[in-house]
Amino acid sequence: ARVKKDKKIDFAWMIEPADRPLSRLLNVDSIPRAVLLTREGKILFLGHPADPDLTLALKKVNVSQH
């Protein structure tokens, strides 16, 4: 929480346990990493936040980036 506040990070932030269960499940091998999921758990986007495909995926669910 201190790092998030000190660096003025205003996006979602997740810290995993040492065994990295979610990162292993999603094959996350670099950061930053954006993951867009449906309520049912379907992956709509998995990649770098600057990838233009994220904007397209967000448009599909009627969400705009700020």
C-alpha atoms as a PDB file:
ATOM      1  CA  ALA A   1       0.000   0.000   0.000  1.00  0.00           C
ATOM      2  CA  ARG A   2       2.859   2.382   0.791  1.00  0.00           C
ATOM      3  CA  VAL A   3       4.490   1.907  -2.631  1.00  0.00           C
ATOM      4  CA  LYS A   4       1.138   2.404  -4.366  1.00  0.00           C
ATOM      5  CA  LYS A   5       0.591   5.653  -2.467  1.00  0.00           C
ATOM      6  CA  ASP A   6       4.192   6.888  -2.831  1.00  0.00           C
ATOM      7  CA  LYS A   7       4.216   6.242  -6.591  1.00  0.00           C
ATOM      8  CA  LYS A   8       0.674   7.651  -7.008  1.00  0.00           C
ATOM      9  CA  ILE A   9      -0.511   4.468  -8.690  1.00  0.00           C
ATOM     10  CA  ASP A  10      -4.230   4.778  -9.403  1.00  0.00           C
ATOM     11  CA  PHE A  11      -4.848   1.495 -11.220  1.00  0.00           C
ATOM     12  CA  ALA A  12      -5.824  -1.873  -9.814  1.00  0.00           C
ATOM     13  CA  TRP A  13      -2.959  -3.525  -8.002  1.00  0.00           C
ATOM     14  CA  MET A  14      -2.661  -7.139  -6.957  1.00  0.00           C
ATOM     15  CA  ILE A  15      -0.045  -8.796  -4.812  1.00  0.00           C
ATOM     16  CA  GLU A  16       0.106 -12.560  -4.956  1.00  0.00           C
ATOM     17  CA  PRO A  17       1.406 -15.112  -2.508  1.00  0.00           C
ATOM     18  CA  ALA A  18       4.960 -16.334  -3.144  1.00  0.00           C
ATOM     19  CA  ASP A  19       3.782 -19.362  -5.155  1.00  0.00           C
ATOM     20  CA  ARG A  20       2.079 -17.008  -7.713  1.00  0.00           C
ATOM     21  CA  PRO A  21      -1.069 -19.078  -8.393  1.00  0.00           C
ATOM     22  CA  LEU A  22      -2.816 -16.522 -10.611  1.00  0.00           C
ATOM     23  CA  SER A  23       0.299 -15.557 -12.566  1.00  0.00           C
ATOM     24  CA  ARG A  24       0.975 -19.226 -13.275  1.00  0.00           C
ATOM     25  CA  LEU A  25      -2.640 -19.850 -14.299  1.00  0.00           C
ATOM     26  CA  LEU A  26      -2.613 -16.884 -16.720  1.00  0.00           C
ATOM     27  CA  ASN A  27       0.990 -17.426 -17.885  1.00  0.00           C
ATOM     28  CA  VAL A  28       1.985 -13.922 -16.761  1.00  0.00           C
ATOM     29  CA  ASP A  29       5.673 -13.605 -17.510  1.00  0.00           C
ATOM     30  CA  SER A  30       6.175  -9.830 -17.451  1.00  0.00           C
ATOM     31  CA  ILE A  31       4.859  -6.687 -15.837  1.00  0.00           C
ATOM     32  CA  PRO A  32       2.985  -4.490 -16.294  1.00  0.00           C
ATOM     33  CA  ARG A  33       0.250  -6.860 -17.365  1.00  0.00           C
ATOM     34  CA  ALA A  34      -3.422  -6.094 -17.966  1.00  0.00           C
ATOM     35  CA  VAL A  35      -6.044  -8.807 -17.698  1.00  0.00           C
ATOM     36  CA  LEU A  36      -9.639  -8.205 -18.743  1.00  0.00           C
ATOM     37  CA  LEU A  37     -12.075 -10.920 -17.677  1.00  0.00           C
ATOM     38  CA  THR A  38     -15.803 -11.388 -18.046  1.00  0.00           C
ATOM     39  CA  ARG A  39     -17.854 -12.080 -14.923  1.00  0.00           C
ATOM     40  CA  GLU A  40     -17.820 -15.705 -15.994  1.00  0.00           C
ATOM     41  CA  GLY A  41     -14.017 -15.761 -16.068  1.00  0.00           C
ATOM     42  CA  LYS A  42     -13.499 -15.663 -19.844  1.00  0.00           C
ATOM     43  CA  ILE A  43     -10.271 -13.841 -20.764  1.00  0.00           C
ATOM     44  CA  LEU A  44     -11.011 -10.940 -23.118  1.00  0.00           C
ATOM     45  CA  PHE A  45      -7.496  -9.497 -23.028  1.00  0.00           C
ATOM     46  CA  LEU A  46      -4.170 -10.565 -21.568  1.00  0.00           C
ATOM     47  CA  GLY A  47      -1.174  -8.436 -22.402  1.00  0.00           C
ATOM     48  CA  HIS A  48       0.649  -5.149 -21.957  1.00  0.00           C
ATOM     49  CA  PRO A  49      -1.624  -2.221 -20.975  1.00  0.00           C
ATOM     50  CA  ALA A  50      -0.302  -0.138 -23.906  1.00  0.00           C
ATOM     51  CA  ASP A  51      -1.324  -2.764 -26.480  1.00  0.00           C
ATOM     52  CA  PRO A  52      -4.039  -1.312 -28.775  1.00  0.00           C
ATOM     53  CA  ASP A  53      -5.916  -4.610 -28.495  1.00  0.00           C
ATOM     54  CA  LEU A  54      -6.795  -3.662 -24.910  1.00  0.00           C
ATOM     55  CA  THR A  55      -8.678  -0.608 -26.188  1.00  0.00           C
ATOM     56  CA  LEU A  56     -10.561  -2.821 -28.638  1.00  0.00           C
ATOM     57  CA  ALA A  57     -11.424  -5.344 -25.916  1.00  0.00           C
ATOM     58  CA  LEU A  58     -12.671  -2.566 -23.630  1.00  0.00           C
ATOM     59  CA  LYS A  59     -14.852  -1.152 -26.421  1.00  0.00           C
ATOM     60  CA  LYS A  60     -16.426  -4.585 -26.853  1.00  0.00           C
ATOM     61  CA  VAL A  61     -17.634  -4.428 -23.248  1.00  0.00           C
ATOM     62  CA  ASN A  62     -18.574  -0.740 -23.541  1.00  0.00           C
ATOM     63  CA  VAL A  63     -15.803   0.583 -21.277  1.00  0.00           C
ATOM     64  CA  SER A  64     -13.509   3.492 -22.114  1.00  0.00           C
ATOM     65  CA  GLN A  65      -9.963   4.019 -20.878  1.00  0.00           C
ATOM     66  CA  HIS A  66      -9.218   7.197 -18.953  1.00  0.00           C
END
